[in-house]
Amino acid sequence: MSIRKTDDAVLESLGSGLQRERLSRNLSQTQLATEAGVTRDTVRRLEAGESVSTLTLVRVLRALGMEGSLDALAPGRGPGPLEQLDKGPAGRQRARASTRREEPASEWRWDEEGS
């Protein structure tokens, strides 16, 4: 059974993780805010687990050199509709069972004559 965190718990976890990262880099909230182009109060709210805009989160992650962690949030990009159209009907194939044919096993019989 999977226990899901509440929205507030997720925000608090994110905020404390960002705070640990900031402290490990020996940055003050003011220094991080300046680097991210936000106010110190915004960094404080983010670290406290309060709601901030997505743009603010991206700016803080970029300032910490962690923008690559956003890649884990979005699924990989598949082919778009125009790319699929260019490939035609053969561009996408369904998974199917093996087409390898097996030789039929020889029929088993009682050996009545050898008894």
Protein backbone atom coordinates (compact mmCIF):
# COMPACT_ATOMS: atom_id res chain seq x y z
CA MET A 1 0.00 0.00 0.00
CA SER A 2 1.38 3.39 -1.01
CA ILE A 3 1.10 6.31 1.40
CA ARG A 4 0.86 9.61 -0.44
CA LYS A 5 2.09 12.85 1.07
CA THR A 6 -0.20 15.83 1.34
CA ASP A 7 0.53 18.88 -0.80
CA ASP A 8 1.82 20.71 2.28
CA ALA A 9 4.15 17.83 3.15
CA VAL A 10 5.56 17.79 -0.38
CA LEU A 11 6.16 21.57 -0.28
CA GLU A 12 7.84 21.30 3.13
CA SER A 13 10.07 18.48 1.90
CA LEU A 14 11.02 20.45 -1.21
CA GLY A 15 11.72 23.56 0.85
CA SER A 16 13.90 21.78 3.39
CA GLY A 17 15.82 20.06 0.58
CA LEU A 18 16.49 23.39 -1.09
CA GLN A 19 17.54 24.87 2.25
CA ARG A 20 20.02 22.01 2.83
CA GLU A 21 21.41 22.54 -0.67
CA ARG A 22 21.78 26.29 -0.09
CA LEU A 23 23.53 25.74 3.23
CA SER A 24 25.84 23.09 1.75
CA ARG A 25 26.95 25.73 -0.74
CA ASN A 26 27.47 28.18 2.15
CA LEU A 27 25.00 30.71 0.74
CA SER A 28 22.79 33.01 2.75
CA GLN A 29 19.15 33.46 1.80
CA THR A 30 20.05 36.99 0.64
CA GLN A 31 22.88 35.71 -1.58
CA LEU A 32 20.66 33.04 -3.13
CA ALA A 33 17.85 35.56 -3.64
CA THR A 34 20.20 37.96 -5.40
CA GLU A 35 21.56 35.20 -7.63
CA ALA A 36 18.03 33.97 -8.46
CA GLY A 37 16.60 37.45 -9.02
CA VAL A 38 13.97 37.12 -6.29
CA THR A 39 13.56 38.64 -2.85
CA ARG A 40 14.99 37.17 0.34
CA ASP A 41 11.44 36.79 1.64
CA THR A 42 10.59 34.66 -1.40
CA VAL A 43 13.50 32.32 -0.63
CA ARG A 44 12.38 32.18 3.01
CA ARG A 45 8.82 31.27 1.94
CA LEU A 46 10.08 28.59 -0.46
CA GLU A 47 12.28 27.03 2.22
CA ALA A 48 9.40 27.17 4.72
CA GLY A 49 7.25 25.09 2.37
CA GLU A 50 4.93 27.89 1.38
CA SER A 51 3.54 28.17 -2.13
CA VAL A 52 5.61 30.09 -4.68
CA SER A 53 5.34 30.43 -8.43
CA THR A 54 6.85 27.87 -10.77
CA LEU A 55 9.05 30.59 -12.24
CA THR A 56 10.44 31.34 -8.78
CA LEU A 57 11.24 27.66 -8.24
CA VAL A 58 13.00 27.49 -11.63
CA ARG A 59 15.05 30.61 -10.82
CA VAL A 60 16.14 29.25 -7.45
CA LEU A 61 17.00 25.84 -8.92
CA ARG A 62 19.04 27.54 -11.65
CA ALA A 63 20.86 29.70 -9.10
CA LEU A 64 21.76 26.53 -7.18
CA GLY A 65 22.88 24.80 -10.39
CA MET A 66 20.07 22.26 -10.05
CA GLU A 67 17.96 23.02 -13.12
CA GLY A 68 18.74 19.53 -14.42
CA SER A 69 16.57 18.10 -11.64
CA LEU A 70 13.54 19.49 -13.47
CA ASP A 71 14.10 16.92 -16.22
CA ALA A 72 12.91 14.20 -13.85
CA LEU A 73 9.56 15.96 -13.47
CA ALA A 74 8.59 15.95 -17.14
CA PRO A 75 8.38 12.80 -19.24
CA GLY A 76 10.66 12.41 -22.23
CA ARG A 77 9.49 13.96 -25.45
CA GLY A 78 8.12 11.52 -27.95
CA PRO A 79 7.50 12.22 -31.62
CA GLY A 80 5.03 15.01 -32.22
CA PRO A 81 1.99 14.73 -34.47
CA LEU A 82 3.80 16.14 -37.50
CA GLU A 83 6.71 13.74 -37.02
CA GLN A 84 4.29 10.83 -36.82
CA LEU A 85 2.55 12.02 -39.98
CA ASP A 86 5.90 12.21 -41.83
CA LYS A 87 6.69 8.62 -40.86
CA GLY A 88 3.38 7.39 -42.25
CA PRO A 89 1.53 4.33 -41.04
CA ALA A 90 4.76 2.32 -40.79
CA GLY A 91 6.25 4.88 -38.39
CA ARG A 92 4.62 3.37 -35.34
CA GLN A 93 4.33 -0.34 -34.87
CA ARG A 94 2.60 -2.29 -32.18
CA ALA A 95 4.45 -4.80 -30.09
CA ARG A 96 3.61 -8.30 -31.21
CA ALA A 97 4.42 -11.84 -30.37
CA SER A 98 7.37 -13.54 -31.96
CA THR A 99 6.76 -14.60 -35.57
CA ARG A 100 9.20 -17.48 -35.23
CA ARG A 101 7.45 -20.74 -36.02
CA GLU A 102 8.18 -23.74 -33.92
CA GLU A 103 8.41 -27.17 -35.44
CA PRO A 104 5.57 -29.38 -34.26
CA ALA A 105 6.71 -31.98 -31.76
CA SER A 106 6.64 -35.52 -33.00
CA GLU A 107 3.54 -37.29 -31.92
CA TRP A 108 4.04 -39.48 -28.89
CA ARG A 109 2.72 -43.02 -29.04
CA TRP A 110 2.65 -45.99 -26.71
CA ASP A 111 5.21 -48.52 -27.73
CA GLU A 112 2.92 -51.53 -27.69
CA GLU A 113 5.09 -53.60 -29.95
CA GLY A 114 8.26 -53.43 -27.88
CA SER A 115 6.71 -54.75 -24.65
